Amino acid sequence: MNSIDLILLNFEEIRRRSIKLWSGIATENYDWKPDEKALSVLEMMRHVLETEHLYHVIIQNRGNLGDYASPWEGRPYKGLEEELEFAASYRADFINMVRSFSAEDLESIVINRTEVNQKRKLGDYLMRMAYHESVHTGQMLDYLRTMGAERPLVWD
């Protein structure tokens, strides 16, 4: 397995576990949040999906967001299936972009986000993306523990 295949496997496995977790949350808990400043359960699900698209645009533009407008802007929150369905084509585009990179690209392409003083090689940036979703998976598990709800087993 080459480095691109491993990165893709990591993204697929993280998303599989996120969906397993999200699918185990009762819809009546979608609006729950630990405090007024936190994201709700459904908002966090969308945040993960939407941020992947944001990262995709950042990578395509090598760091420059330009006049980025989120396709999620103004979309009403409905439920997990609607969120996953809407995000599916964006996810496919992202995965295809990653698949198009070579091992050399992971070292030679630089993502330079001057507005946040961040400069990373593509490989590093992709791993940070994966970490972002993983952190939110852990955060969601904590939400479920705090609300006293069943927690799906993501460690299968």
C-alpha atoms as a PDB file:
ATOM      1  CA  MET A   1       0.000   0.000   0.000  1.00  0.00           C
ATOM      2  CA  ASN A   2       1.407   3.394  -0.925  1.00  0.00           C
ATOM      3  CA  SER A   3       1.150   6.635   1.057  1.00  0.00           C
ATOM      4  CA  ILE A   4      -1.873   7.945  -0.870  1.00  0.00           C
ATOM      5  CA  ASP A   5      -3.713   4.653  -0.318  1.00  0.00           C
ATOM      6  CA  LEU A   6      -2.971   4.860   3.411  1.00  0.00           C
ATOM      7  CA  ILE A   7      -4.228   8.431   3.607  1.00  0.00           C
ATOM      8  CA  LEU A   8      -7.414   7.452   1.772  1.00  0.00           C
ATOM      9  CA  LEU A   9      -7.900   4.442   4.039  1.00  0.00           C
ATOM     10  CA  ASN A  10      -7.523   6.711   7.058  1.00  0.00           C
ATOM     11  CA  PHE A  11     -10.129   9.171   5.741  1.00  0.00           C
ATOM     12  CA  GLU A  12     -12.553   6.362   4.914  1.00  0.00           C
ATOM     13  CA  GLU A  13     -12.109   4.685   8.289  1.00  0.00           C
ATOM     14  CA  ILE A  14     -12.567   7.922  10.214  1.00  0.00           C
ATOM     15  CA  ARG A  15     -15.733   8.743   8.266  1.00  0.00           C
ATOM     16  CA  ARG A  16     -17.071   5.200   8.715  1.00  0.00           C
ATOM     17  CA  ARG A  17     -16.695   5.542  12.462  1.00  0.00           C
ATOM     18  CA  SER A  18     -18.220   9.040  12.462  1.00  0.00           C
ATOM     19  CA  ILE A  19     -21.272   7.758  10.592  1.00  0.00           C
ATOM     20  CA  LYS A  20     -21.532   4.773  12.917  1.00  0.00           C
ATOM     21  CA  LEU A  21     -21.524   7.151  15.871  1.00  0.00           C
ATOM     22  CA  TRP A  22     -23.911   9.675  14.336  1.00  0.00           C
ATOM     23  CA  SER A  23     -26.330   6.936  13.244  1.00  0.00           C
ATOM     24  CA  GLY A  24     -26.607   5.775  16.831  1.00  0.00           C
ATOM     25  CA  ILE A  25     -27.845   9.137  18.091  1.00  0.00           C
ATOM     26  CA  ALA A  26     -31.592   9.489  18.583  1.00  0.00           C
ATOM     27  CA  THR A  27     -33.092  12.322  16.538  1.00  0.00           C
ATOM     28  CA  GLU A  28     -34.629  13.793  19.685  1.00  0.00           C
ATOM     29  CA  ASN A  29     -31.052  14.514  20.848  1.00  0.00           C
ATOM     30  CA  TYR A  30     -30.019  16.451  17.710  1.00  0.00           C
ATOM     31  CA  ASP A  31     -30.595  19.829  19.375  1.00  0.00           C
ATOM     32  CA  TRP A  32     -28.742  18.924  22.577  1.00  0.00           C
ATOM     33  CA  LYS A  33     -25.589  20.823  23.457  1.00  0.00           C
ATOM     34  CA  PRO A  34     -23.629  21.040  26.689  1.00  0.00           C
ATOM     35  CA  ASP A  35     -23.923  24.833  26.923  1.00  0.00           C
ATOM     36  CA  GLU A  36     -25.230  27.792  24.961  1.00  0.00           C
ATOM     37  CA  LYS A  37     -21.902  28.503  23.252  1.00  0.00           C
ATOM     38  CA  ALA A  38     -21.398  24.922  22.022  1.00  0.00           C
ATOM     39  CA  LEU A  39     -22.543  23.369  18.775  1.00  0.00           C
ATOM     40  CA  SER A  40     -25.594  21.140  18.990  1.00  0.00           C
ATOM     41  CA  VAL A  41     -25.298  17.474  18.012  1.00  0.00           C
ATOM     42  CA  LEU A  42     -26.661  18.123  14.508  1.00  0.00           C
ATOM     43  CA  GLU A  43     -24.634  21.316  14.111  1.00  0.00           C
ATOM     44  CA  MET A  44     -21.471  19.366  14.922  1.00  0.00           C
ATOM     45  CA  MET A  45     -22.323  16.695  12.354  1.00  0.00           C
ATOM     46  CA  ARG A  46     -22.732  19.409   9.724  1.00  0.00           C
ATOM     47  CA  HIS A  47     -19.588  21.165  10.904  1.00  0.00           C
ATOM     48  CA  VAL A  48     -17.526  18.031  10.213  1.00  0.00           C
ATOM     49  CA  LEU A  49     -19.019  17.576   6.738  1.00  0.00           C
ATOM     50  CA  GLU A  50     -18.840  21.252   5.828  1.00  0.00           C
ATOM     51  CA  THR A  51     -15.297  21.704   7.099  1.00  0.00           C
ATOM     52  CA  GLU A  52     -14.086  18.869   4.889  1.00  0.00           C
ATOM     53  CA  HIS A  53     -15.299  20.887   1.913  1.00  0.00           C
ATOM     54  CA  LEU A  54     -13.615  24.007   3.274  1.00  0.00           C
ATOM     55  CA  TYR A  55     -10.330  22.097   3.615  1.00  0.00           C
ATOM     56  CA  HIS A  56     -10.792  20.782   0.063  1.00  0.00           C
ATOM     57  CA  VAL A  57     -11.053  24.349  -1.271  1.00  0.00           C
ATOM     58  CA  ILE A  58      -8.033  25.399   0.786  1.00  0.00           C
ATOM     59  CA  ILE A  59      -5.982  22.557  -0.715  1.00  0.00           C
ATOM     60  CA  GLN A  60      -7.165  23.266  -4.267  1.00  0.00           C
ATOM     61  CA  ASN A  61      -6.157  26.907  -3.844  1.00  0.00           C
ATOM     62  CA  ARG A  62      -2.953  25.984  -1.998  1.00  0.00           C
ATOM     63  CA  GLY A  63      -4.079  27.960   1.023  1.00  0.00           C
ATOM     64  CA  ASN A  64      -6.048  30.885  -0.357  1.00  0.00           C
ATOM     65  CA  LEU A  65      -9.771  30.784   0.387  1.00  0.00           C
ATOM     66  CA  GLY A  66     -10.547  33.760  -1.802  1.00  0.00           C
ATOM     67  CA  ASP A  67     -14.270  34.565  -1.856  1.00  0.00           C
ATOM     68  CA  TYR A  68     -15.289  31.204  -0.414  1.00  0.00           C
ATOM     69  CA  ALA A  69     -19.021  30.733  -0.016  1.00  0.00           C
ATOM     70  CA  SER A  70     -20.108  27.561   1.724  1.00  0.00           C
ATOM     71  CA  PRO A  71     -22.697  25.457  -0.116  1.00  0.00           C
ATOM     72  CA  TRP A  72     -24.219  24.811   3.333  1.00  0.00           C
ATOM     73  CA  GLU A  73     -24.880  28.502   3.934  1.00  0.00           C
ATOM     74  CA  GLY A  74     -28.567  29.028   4.659  1.00  0.00           C
ATOM     75  CA  ARG A  75     -29.473  25.320   4.451  1.00  0.00           C
ATOM     76  CA  PRO A  76     -31.970  24.307   7.100  1.00  0.00           C
ATOM     77  CA  TYR A  77     -30.955  21.570   9.517  1.00  0.00           C
ATOM     78  CA  LYS A  78     -33.097  18.470   8.975  1.00  0.00           C
ATOM     79  CA  GLY A  79     -31.303  15.293   9.955  1.00  0.00           C
ATOM     80  CA  LEU A  80     -28.325  13.032   9.469  1.00  0.00           C
ATOM     81  CA  GLU A  81     -29.468  11.395   6.232  1.00  0.00           C
ATOM     82  CA  GLU A  82     -30.096  14.770   4.604  1.00  0.00           C
ATOM     83  CA  GLU A  83     -26.701  16.041   5.752  1.00  0.00           C
ATOM     84  CA  LEU A  84     -24.890  12.966   4.420  1.00  0.00           C
ATOM     85  CA  GLU A  85     -26.795  13.059   1.139  1.00  0.00           C
ATOM     86  CA  PHE A  86     -25.989  16.729   0.584  1.00  0.00           C
ATOM     87  CA  ALA A  87     -22.320  16.200   1.434  1.00  0.00           C
ATOM     88  CA  ALA A  88     -21.902  13.052  -0.712  1.00  0.00           C
ATOM     89  CA  SER A  89     -20.837  14.751  -3.943  1.00  0.00           C
ATOM     90  CA  TYR A  90     -18.451  17.069  -2.075  1.00  0.00           C
ATOM     91  CA  ARG A  91     -16.961  14.046  -0.308  1.00  0.00           C
ATOM     92  CA  ALA A  92     -16.516  12.221  -3.631  1.00  0.00           C
ATOM     93  CA  ASP A  93     -14.785  15.257  -5.142  1.00  0.00           C
ATOM     94  CA  PHE A  94     -12.475  15.486  -2.144  1.00  0.00           C
ATOM     95  CA  ILE A  95     -11.576  11.782  -2.242  1.00  0.00           C
ATOM     96  CA  ASN A  96     -10.929  12.011  -5.989  1.00  0.00           C
ATOM     97  CA  MET A  97      -8.648  14.986  -5.437  1.00  0.00           C
ATOM     98  CA  VAL A  98      -6.634  13.081  -2.825  1.00  0.00           C
ATOM     99  CA  ARG A  99      -6.501  10.058  -5.150  1.00  0.00           C
ATOM    100  CA  SER A 100      -5.028  12.300  -7.878  1.00  0.00           C
ATOM    101  CA  PHE A 101      -1.982  13.241  -5.780  1.00  0.00           C
ATOM    102  CA  SER A 102       1.315  11.415  -5.964  1.00  0.00           C
ATOM    103  CA  ALA A 103       3.562  10.532  -3.065  1.00  0.00           C
ATOM    104  CA  GLU A 104       5.870  13.315  -4.230  1.00  0.00           C
ATOM    105  CA  ASP A 105       2.989  15.802  -4.064  1.00  0.00           C
ATOM    106  CA  LEU A 106       2.642  15.115  -0.339  1.00  0.00           C
ATOM    107  CA  GLU A 107       6.083  16.664   0.156  1.00  0.00           C
ATOM    108  CA  SER A 108       6.267  19.215  -2.658  1.00  0.00           C
ATOM    109  CA  ILE A 109       2.844  20.896  -2.495  1.00  0.00           C
ATOM    110  CA  VAL A 110       2.702  23.572   0.171  1.00  0.00           C
ATOM    111  CA  ILE A 111      -0.522  24.857   1.692  1.00  0.00           C
ATOM    112  CA  ASN A 112       0.183  28.440   2.695  1.00  0.00           C
ATOM    113  CA  ARG A 113      -2.594  30.055   4.725  1.00  0.00           C
ATOM    114  CA  THR A 114      -1.144  33.487   5.283  1.00  0.00           C
ATOM    115  CA  GLU A 115      -4.287  34.785   7.047  1.00  0.00           C
ATOM    116  CA  VAL A 116      -3.665  32.357   9.935  1.00  0.00           C
ATOM    117  CA  ASN A 117       0.137  32.243   9.643  1.00  0.00           C
ATOM    118  CA  GLN A 118       0.095  28.548   8.702  1.00  0.00           C
ATOM    119  CA  LYS A 119       2.343  26.890   6.160  1.00  0.00           C
ATOM    120  CA  ARG A 120       2.264  23.091   5.822  1.00  0.00           C
ATOM    121  CA  LYS A 121       3.199  20.419   3.343  1.00  0.00           C
ATOM    122  CA  LEU A 122       0.203  18.698   1.752  1.00  0.00           C
ATOM    123  CA  GLY A 123       0.778  15.406   3.586  1.00  0.00           C
ATOM    124  CA  ASP A 124       0.853  17.202   6.923  1.00  0.00           C
ATOM    125  CA  TYR A 125      -2.250  19.195   6.024  1.00  0.00           C
ATOM    126  CA  LEU A 126      -4.210  16.083   5.057  1.00  0.00           C
ATOM    127  CA  MET A 127      -3.339  14.453   8.379  1.00  0.00           C
ATOM    128  CA  ARG A 128      -4.504  17.572  10.228  1.00  0.00           C
ATOM    129  CA  MET A 129      -7.811  17.305   8.365  1.00  0.00           C
ATOM    130  CA  ALA A 130      -8.245  13.728   9.540  1.00  0.00           C
ATOM    131  CA  TYR A 131      -7.402  14.781  13.077  1.00  0.00           C
ATOM    132  CA  HIS A 132     -10.124  17.447  12.969  1.00  0.00           C
ATOM    133  CA  GLU A 133     -12.870  14.895  12.320  1.00  0.00           C
ATOM    134  CA  SER A 134     -11.420  12.504  14.883  1.00  0.00           C
ATOM    135  CA  VAL A 135     -11.443  15.179  17.576  1.00  0.00           C
ATOM    136  CA  HIS A 136     -15.105  15.878  16.886  1.00  0.00           C
ATOM    137  CA  THR A 137     -15.869  12.152  17.120  1.00  0.00           C
ATOM    138  CA  GLY A 138     -14.391  12.156  20.615  1.00  0.00           C
ATOM    139  CA  GLN A 139     -16.277  15.323  21.457  1.00  0.00           C
ATOM    140  CA  MET A 140     -19.542  13.740  20.292  1.00  0.00           C
ATOM    141  CA  LEU A 141     -18.863  10.664  22.425  1.00  0.00           C
ATOM    142  CA  ASP A 142     -18.499  13.030  25.378  1.00  0.00           C
ATOM    143  CA  TYR A 143     -21.802  14.708  24.477  1.00  0.00           C
ATOM    144  CA  LEU A 144     -23.509  11.313  24.588  1.00  0.00           C
ATOM    145  CA  ARG A 145     -21.900  10.429  27.918  1.00  0.00           C
ATOM    146  CA  THR A 146     -22.900  13.782  29.390  1.00  0.00           C
ATOM    147  CA  MET A 147     -26.530  13.468  28.260  1.00  0.00           C
ATOM    148  CA  GLY A 148     -26.636   9.889  29.575  1.00  0.00           C
ATOM    149  CA  ALA A 149     -27.310   8.350  26.138  1.00  0.00           C
ATOM    150  CA  GLU A 150     -26.025   5.076  24.732  1.00  0.00           C
ATOM    151  CA  ARG A 151     -22.687   5.412  22.962  1.00  0.00           C
ATOM    152  CA  PRO A 152     -22.210   3.337  19.811  1.00  0.00           C
ATOM    153  CA  LEU A 153     -19.061   1.235  19.826  1.00  0.00           C
ATOM    154  CA  VAL A 154     -16.704   2.930  17.396  1.00  0.00           C
ATOM    155  CA  TRP A 155     -13.773   0.707  18.395  1.00  0.00           C
ATOM    156  CA  ASP A 156     -14.769  -2.272  16.282  1.00  0.00           C
END
